[in-house]
């Protein structure tokens, strides 16, 4: 198996820019995942986020997980569990309106650093979208506008811990799925592994790397690129040792954004007669995804074609 793609963002400023853009292009077309180093988020900030996230889990979440999940999930179970995950999570919303001040049990230092971290991640996500535009031959800002809707993008962070599991063969940390949204930025534990993606017919480890940000593409980018870029199945394997931290930040379209293949890309593909992905309102897709997250994405796209006739184009979405 070839090496997992790692992008040194410093190389975008200089004579290695073209070769670095090629690595990003190959990663988007053939992996659906890549890992960023020298991404501009200060290492001290990441260290503080990690320290406070792990401290919050110990103080506020660990006992709850043991009582609600650990004590019941594997009791008397012989066959693999397919309807739940071995994870402890909570969700922070950043855009369009932050909920960080309302989330219970967070101390002030944690609230403050997560707000600062979210600002950095938002900037990085938008920088990445423009790099994808450049590789796709779309005008700068196209993807940001496509995601915008009337109130701007949805942006939030799923804060997860994957505690040690006594029987990892019986339950996944997180079952296989593709992500519904746009671009996902993951700050993961650099010591405890577990994240895997499906490449061809093989599950490949996403390597833990200190101070890196792992990026993966969601279903909406597959639609906008008409399948040129792919959202990829991934999962988390439960481990017998170590508690794995995962902060996945989802930069997604606004609820009323109309998502459809970019016309400029369809023009390039006209001679190939490729099947065209559907057009839909993002919120309609999310409602469908909620019940079908752990199933294949292709039937979701087919189902969205049935509602396509009712979609009207908004002025912003036609970027």
Protein backbone atom coordinates (compact mmCIF):
# COMPACT_ATOMS: atom_id res chain seq x y z
CA UNK A 1 0.00 0.00 0.00
CA UNK A 2 1.42 3.42 -0.98
CA UNK A 3 2.08 6.01 1.71
CA UNK A 4 -0.77 7.95 3.29
CA UNK A 5 -0.67 11.48 1.78
CA UNK A 6 0.93 14.10 4.03
CA UNK A 7 0.88 17.74 2.89
CA UNK A 8 3.48 20.20 4.16
CA UNK A 9 1.63 23.50 3.75
CA UNK A 10 4.87 25.48 3.95
CA UNK A 11 5.68 24.07 0.52
CA UNK A 12 2.75 26.00 -0.98
CA UNK A 13 4.92 29.12 -0.72
CA UNK A 14 7.82 28.51 -3.06
CA UNK A 15 9.15 26.30 -5.80
CA UNK A 16 7.49 23.16 -4.41
CA UNK A 17 3.97 24.60 -4.83
CA UNK A 18 3.14 22.72 -8.05
CA UNK A 19 4.24 19.34 -6.69
CA UNK A 20 2.38 19.97 -3.41
CA UNK A 21 -0.82 20.87 -5.30
CA UNK A 22 -0.40 17.60 -7.22
CA UNK A 23 -0.25 15.64 -3.94
CA UNK A 24 -3.47 17.37 -2.78
CA UNK A 25 -5.13 16.59 -6.13
CA UNK A 26 -4.16 12.91 -5.96
CA UNK A 27 -5.32 12.70 -2.33
CA UNK A 28 -8.74 14.20 -3.19
CA UNK A 29 -9.22 11.91 -6.20
CA UNK A 30 -7.82 8.65 -4.82
CA UNK A 31 -7.89 8.78 -1.02
CA UNK A 32 -10.57 11.21 0.15
CA UNK A 33 -8.18 11.89 3.07
CA UNK A 34 -4.87 13.65 3.67
CA UNK A 35 -2.84 14.93 6.62
CA UNK A 36 -1.60 18.52 7.04
CA UNK A 37 1.59 19.68 8.76
CA UNK A 38 2.79 23.30 9.07
CA UNK A 39 -0.85 24.37 8.75
CA UNK A 40 -0.49 27.60 10.73
CA UNK A 41 -2.34 26.60 13.92
CA UNK A 42 0.09 27.17 16.82
CA UNK A 43 1.33 23.98 18.48
CA UNK A 44 0.91 25.54 21.93
CA UNK A 45 -2.79 26.09 21.18
CA UNK A 46 -3.19 22.46 20.08
CA UNK A 47 -1.41 21.25 23.23
CA UNK A 48 -3.77 23.30 25.40
CA UNK A 49 -6.85 22.01 23.52
CA UNK A 50 -5.62 18.43 24.01
CA UNK A 51 -4.84 18.89 27.71
CA UNK A 52 -8.23 20.48 28.45
CA UNK A 53 -10.19 18.00 26.31
CA UNK A 54 -8.62 15.03 28.08
CA UNK A 55 -9.10 16.71 31.46
CA UNK A 56 -12.75 17.42 30.73
CA UNK A 57 -13.33 13.77 29.76
CA UNK A 58 -11.76 12.52 32.99
CA UNK A 59 -13.67 15.00 35.13
CA UNK A 60 -17.10 15.06 33.47
CA UNK A 61 -17.53 12.25 30.93
CA UNK A 62 -15.63 9.13 31.99
CA UNK A 63 -17.93 8.01 34.80
CA UNK A 64 -21.02 8.70 32.69
CA UNK A 65 -19.58 6.56 29.88
CA UNK A 66 -18.87 3.70 32.28
CA UNK A 67 -22.43 3.82 33.64
CA UNK A 68 -24.31 4.30 30.35
CA UNK A 69 -22.23 2.37 27.81
CA UNK A 70 -19.41 0.28 29.24
CA UNK A 71 -21.45 -1.51 31.87
CA UNK A 72 -24.31 -2.42 29.50
CA UNK A 73 -22.97 -2.65 25.95
CA UNK A 74 -21.02 -5.90 26.18
CA UNK A 75 -23.02 -7.67 28.88
CA UNK A 76 -23.69 -11.25 27.74
CA UNK A 77 -22.90 -10.33 24.10
CA UNK A 78 -21.35 -12.97 21.81
CA UNK A 79 -21.87 -11.54 18.28
CA UNK A 80 -20.62 -8.17 17.02
CA UNK A 81 -22.77 -5.19 18.04
CA UNK A 82 -23.94 -3.23 14.99
CA UNK A 83 -26.31 -0.64 16.47
CA UNK A 84 -24.03 1.39 18.75
CA UNK A 85 -20.49 2.78 19.03
CA UNK A 86 -17.85 2.65 21.78
CA UNK A 87 -17.44 6.41 22.07
CA UNK A 88 -18.15 9.30 24.43
CA UNK A 89 -19.06 12.54 22.61
CA UNK A 90 -20.47 16.04 22.81
CA UNK A 91 -20.93 18.67 20.12
CA UNK A 92 -19.87 22.32 19.92
CA UNK A 93 -21.50 24.57 17.32
CA UNK A 94 -19.49 27.57 16.03
CA UNK A 95 -21.43 28.88 13.00
CA UNK A 96 -23.84 30.36 12.18
CA UNK A 97 -24.30 30.89 15.97
CA UNK A 98 -22.01 29.52 18.69
CA UNK A 99 -23.44 27.37 21.49
CA UNK A 100 -20.17 27.11 23.47
CA UNK A 101 -21.41 29.35 26.29
CA UNK A 102 -24.50 27.12 26.75
CA UNK A 103 -22.77 23.70 26.83
CA UNK A 104 -22.78 22.49 30.46
CA UNK A 105 -19.74 21.40 32.48
CA UNK A 106 -17.10 23.29 30.46
CA UNK A 107 -14.76 25.50 32.44
CA UNK A 108 -14.02 29.02 31.20
CA UNK A 109 -10.48 28.23 30.03
CA UNK A 110 -11.83 25.40 27.85
CA UNK A 111 -14.62 27.56 26.37
CA UNK A 112 -12.12 30.30 25.52
CA UNK A 113 -9.52 28.05 23.86
CA UNK A 114 -12.18 26.18 21.84
CA UNK A 115 -13.53 29.48 20.48
CA UNK A 116 -9.99 30.50 19.46
CA UNK A 117 -9.28 27.06 17.98
CA UNK A 118 -12.53 27.19 15.97
CA UNK A 119 -11.53 30.55 14.42
CA UNK A 120 -8.21 29.03 13.28
CA UNK A 121 -9.93 25.91 11.91
CA UNK A 122 -12.53 27.96 10.02
CA UNK A 123 -9.75 29.97 8.34
CA UNK A 124 -7.90 26.73 7.46
CA UNK A 125 -11.05 25.12 6.03
CA UNK A 126 -11.66 28.12 3.76
CA UNK A 127 -8.02 28.13 2.67
CA UNK A 128 -8.36 24.43 1.78
CA UNK A 129 -11.54 25.03 -0.21
CA UNK A 130 -9.70 27.59 -2.33
CA UNK A 131 -6.84 25.13 -2.92
CA UNK A 132 -9.43 22.60 -4.13
CA UNK A 133 -10.93 25.28 -6.40
CA UNK A 134 -7.49 25.91 -7.89
CA UNK A 135 -6.94 22.21 -8.58
CA UNK A 136 -10.44 21.83 -10.07
CA UNK A 137 -10.12 24.88 -12.31
CA UNK A 138 -12.97 26.67 -10.51
CA UNK A 139 -12.80 30.37 -9.72
CA UNK A 140 -11.40 31.26 -6.31
CA UNK A 141 -14.16 31.36 -3.71
CA UNK A 142 -16.55 29.12 -5.67
CA UNK A 143 -16.82 26.39 -3.03
CA UNK A 144 -17.18 28.87 -0.16
CA UNK A 145 -20.04 30.56 -2.04
CA UNK A 146 -21.62 27.21 -2.89
CA UNK A 147 -21.67 26.38 0.85
CA UNK A 148 -22.91 29.81 1.93
CA UNK A 149 -26.71 29.68 1.61
CA UNK A 150 -28.41 32.75 3.10
CA UNK A 151 -26.78 32.69 6.56
CA UNK A 152 -23.31 31.31 5.94
CA UNK A 153 -21.91 27.82 6.49
CA UNK A 154 -22.60 25.40 9.34
CA UNK A 155 -19.45 24.77 11.34
CA UNK A 156 -19.13 22.66 14.48
CA UNK A 157 -16.86 20.28 16.37
CA UNK A 158 -17.66 16.76 17.53
CA UNK A 159 -15.50 16.18 20.62
CA UNK A 160 -15.01 12.42 21.08
CA UNK A 161 -13.12 10.09 23.37
CA UNK A 162 -12.72 6.39 22.59
CA UNK A 163 -12.00 4.70 25.93
CA UNK A 164 -10.20 1.35 26.30
CA UNK A 165 -12.50 -1.51 25.29
CA UNK A 166 -12.25 -5.00 26.81
CA UNK A 167 -13.69 -6.71 23.70
CA UNK A 168 -12.81 -4.64 20.61
CA UNK A 169 -13.71 -7.56 18.32
CA UNK A 170 -17.37 -7.13 19.39
CA UNK A 171 -17.87 -3.38 18.91
CA UNK A 172 -16.46 -0.54 16.79
CA UNK A 173 -15.37 2.77 18.25
CA UNK A 174 -17.36 4.22 15.35
CA UNK A 175 -19.03 2.16 12.63
CA UNK A 176 -18.08 2.65 8.94
CA UNK A 177 -19.66 5.72 7.29
CA UNK A 178 -18.96 8.61 4.96
CA UNK A 179 -19.38 12.16 6.27
CA UNK A 180 -22.43 14.01 4.99
CA UNK A 181 -20.98 17.50 4.88
CA UNK A 182 -18.23 19.47 3.19
CA UNK A 183 -14.68 19.40 4.49
CA UNK A 184 -13.74 17.85 7.84
CA UNK A 185 -10.68 18.84 9.88
CA UNK A 186 -9.60 16.35 12.53
CA UNK A 187 -7.26 16.93 15.45
CA UNK A 188 -6.63 13.41 16.70
CA UNK A 189 -4.65 11.72 19.44
CA UNK A 190 -1.00 11.33 18.44
CA UNK A 191 -0.41 8.24 20.59
CA UNK A 192 -3.55 6.07 20.41
CA UNK A 193 -4.53 5.03 16.88
CA UNK A 194 -7.83 3.63 15.62
CA UNK A 195 -9.01 5.69 12.63
CA UNK A 196 -9.08 3.75 9.36
CA UNK A 197 -10.27 4.53 5.82
CA UNK A 198 -11.33 2.12 3.09
CA UNK A 199 -9.05 2.28 0.03
CA UNK A 200 -10.15 -0.17 -2.62
CA UNK A 201 -11.00 -3.23 -0.54
CA UNK A 202 -8.45 -2.60 2.24
CA UNK A 203 -8.80 -0.77 5.55
CA UNK A 204 -5.83 1.60 5.90
CA UNK A 205 -4.69 3.22 9.16
CA UNK A 206 -4.69 7.01 9.30
CA UNK A 207 -1.35 7.52 11.07
CA UNK A 208 -1.35 9.48 14.34
CA UNK A 209 1.09 12.38 13.97
CA UNK A 210 1.74 15.07 16.57
CA UNK A 211 0.30 18.52 15.77
CA UNK A 212 -1.12 17.42 12.41
CA UNK A 213 -4.63 18.07 11.11
CA UNK A 214 -6.26 15.21 9.18
CA UNK A 215 -8.60 16.33 6.40
CA UNK A 216 -11.34 14.30 4.76
CA UNK A 217 -13.92 15.17 2.15
CA UNK A 218 -17.66 14.84 2.73
CA UNK A 219 -20.53 13.85 0.45
CA UNK A 220 -21.22 17.48 -0.61
CA UNK A 221 -17.80 17.82 -2.27
CA UNK A 222 -18.40 14.58 -4.14
CA UNK A 223 -21.65 16.06 -5.48
CA UNK A 224 -20.20 19.47 -6.38
CA UNK A 225 -17.27 17.83 -8.21
CA UNK A 226 -19.67 15.32 -9.84
CA UNK A 227 -17.67 12.41 -8.46
CA UNK A 228 -14.19 13.67 -9.36
CA UNK A 229 -13.45 13.91 -5.62
CA UNK A 230 -14.84 11.20 -3.35
CA UNK A 231 -16.11 10.96 0.20
CA UNK A 232 -14.63 7.75 1.59
CA UNK A 233 -15.83 5.18 4.12
CA UNK A 234 -13.97 5.38 7.42
CA UNK A 235 -14.31 3.87 10.87
CA UNK A 236 -12.72 3.86 14.33
CA UNK A 237 -11.44 0.58 15.75
CA UNK A 238 -11.86 0.21 19.51
CA UNK A 239 -8.58 -0.45 21.34
CA UNK A 240 -7.86 -2.43 24.50
CA UNK A 241 -5.31 0.13 25.73
CA UNK A 242 -5.35 3.91 25.83
CA UNK A 243 -8.04 6.56 25.53
CA UNK A 244 -8.13 8.07 22.01
CA UNK A 245 -9.03 11.76 21.70
CA UNK A 246 -10.70 13.01 18.51
CA UNK A 247 -11.89 16.53 17.66
CA UNK A 248 -13.59 16.47 14.26
CA UNK A 249 -14.62 19.90 12.97
CA UNK A 250 -17.17 19.91 10.16
CA UNK A 251 -17.23 22.86 7.74
CA UNK A 252 -20.57 22.23 6.04
CA UNK A 253 -22.98 24.08 3.75
CA UNK A 254 -25.65 26.30 5.30
CA UNK A 255 -29.03 24.62 5.79
CA UNK A 256 -30.64 26.32 2.79
CA UNK A 257 -27.62 26.09 0.46
CA UNK A 258 -28.50 24.45 -2.85
CA UNK A 259 -25.88 21.83 -3.69
CA UNK A 260 -25.31 20.64 -7.26
CA UNK A 261 -22.44 19.76 -9.62
CA UNK A 262 -20.41 22.80 -10.67
CA UNK A 263 -21.47 23.73 -14.24
CA UNK A 264 -17.85 24.46 -15.22
CA UNK A 265 -16.92 20.87 -14.36
CA UNK A 266 -19.90 19.42 -16.21
CA UNK A 267 -18.87 21.34 -19.33
CA UNK A 268 -15.44 19.71 -19.20
CA UNK A 269 -17.05 16.28 -18.84
CA UNK A 270 -19.71 16.77 -21.53
CA UNK A 271 -17.97 14.48 -24.00
CA UNK A 272 -17.58 11.71 -21.42
CA UNK A 273 -21.36 11.52 -20.85
CA UNK A 274 -20.85 10.87 -17.17
CA UNK A 275 -23.89 10.46 -14.96
CA UNK A 276 -24.73 13.74 -13.25
CA UNK A 277 -25.12 13.91 -9.47
CA UNK A 278 -28.38 15.33 -8.06
CA UNK A 279 -29.27 18.89 -7.01
CA UNK A 280 -30.76 19.38 -3.55
CA UNK A 281 -31.05 21.61 -0.50
CA UNK A 282 -28.40 20.64 2.06
CA UNK A 283 -30.86 20.40 4.96
CA UNK A 284 -32.96 17.88 3.00
CA UNK A 285 -29.87 15.73 2.55
CA UNK A 286 -29.06 15.92 6.26
CA UNK A 287 -32.56 14.78 7.20
CA UNK A 288 -32.12 11.74 4.95
CA UNK A 289 -28.57 11.10 6.21
CA UNK A 290 -29.70 11.08 9.86
CA UNK A 291 -31.44 7.74 9.33
CA UNK A 292 -28.98 6.26 6.83
CA UNK A 293 -25.55 7.36 8.13
CA UNK A 294 -24.15 3.85 8.45
CA UNK A 295 -25.36 2.71 5.03
CA UNK A 296 -23.85 3.19 1.57
CA UNK A 297 -23.90 6.76 0.19
CA UNK A 298 -25.00 5.83 -3.36
CA UNK A 299 -28.65 5.09 -2.42
CA UNK A 300 -28.74 8.48 -0.62
CA UNK A 301 -27.71 10.24 -3.83
CA UNK A 302 -30.35 8.28 -5.77
CA UNK A 303 -33.06 9.21 -3.27
CA UNK A 304 -32.09 12.89 -3.58
CA UNK A 305 -32.71 12.71 -7.32
CA UNK A 306 -36.38 12.11 -6.51
CA UNK A 307 -36.66 15.49 -4.78
CA UNK A 308 -34.57 17.34 -7.37
CA UNK A 309 -37.57 18.63 -9.32
CA UNK A 310 -38.67 20.73 -6.34
CA UNK A 311 -35.35 22.53 -5.82
CA UNK A 312 -35.24 26.18 -6.83
CA UNK A 313 -31.94 27.92 -7.30
CA UNK A 314 -31.10 30.69 -4.84
CA UNK A 315 -29.08 33.70 -6.03
CA UNK A 316 -26.13 32.88 -3.75
CA UNK A 317 -25.90 29.21 -4.64
CA UNK A 318 -25.28 29.94 -8.34
CA UNK A 319 -21.83 31.35 -7.49
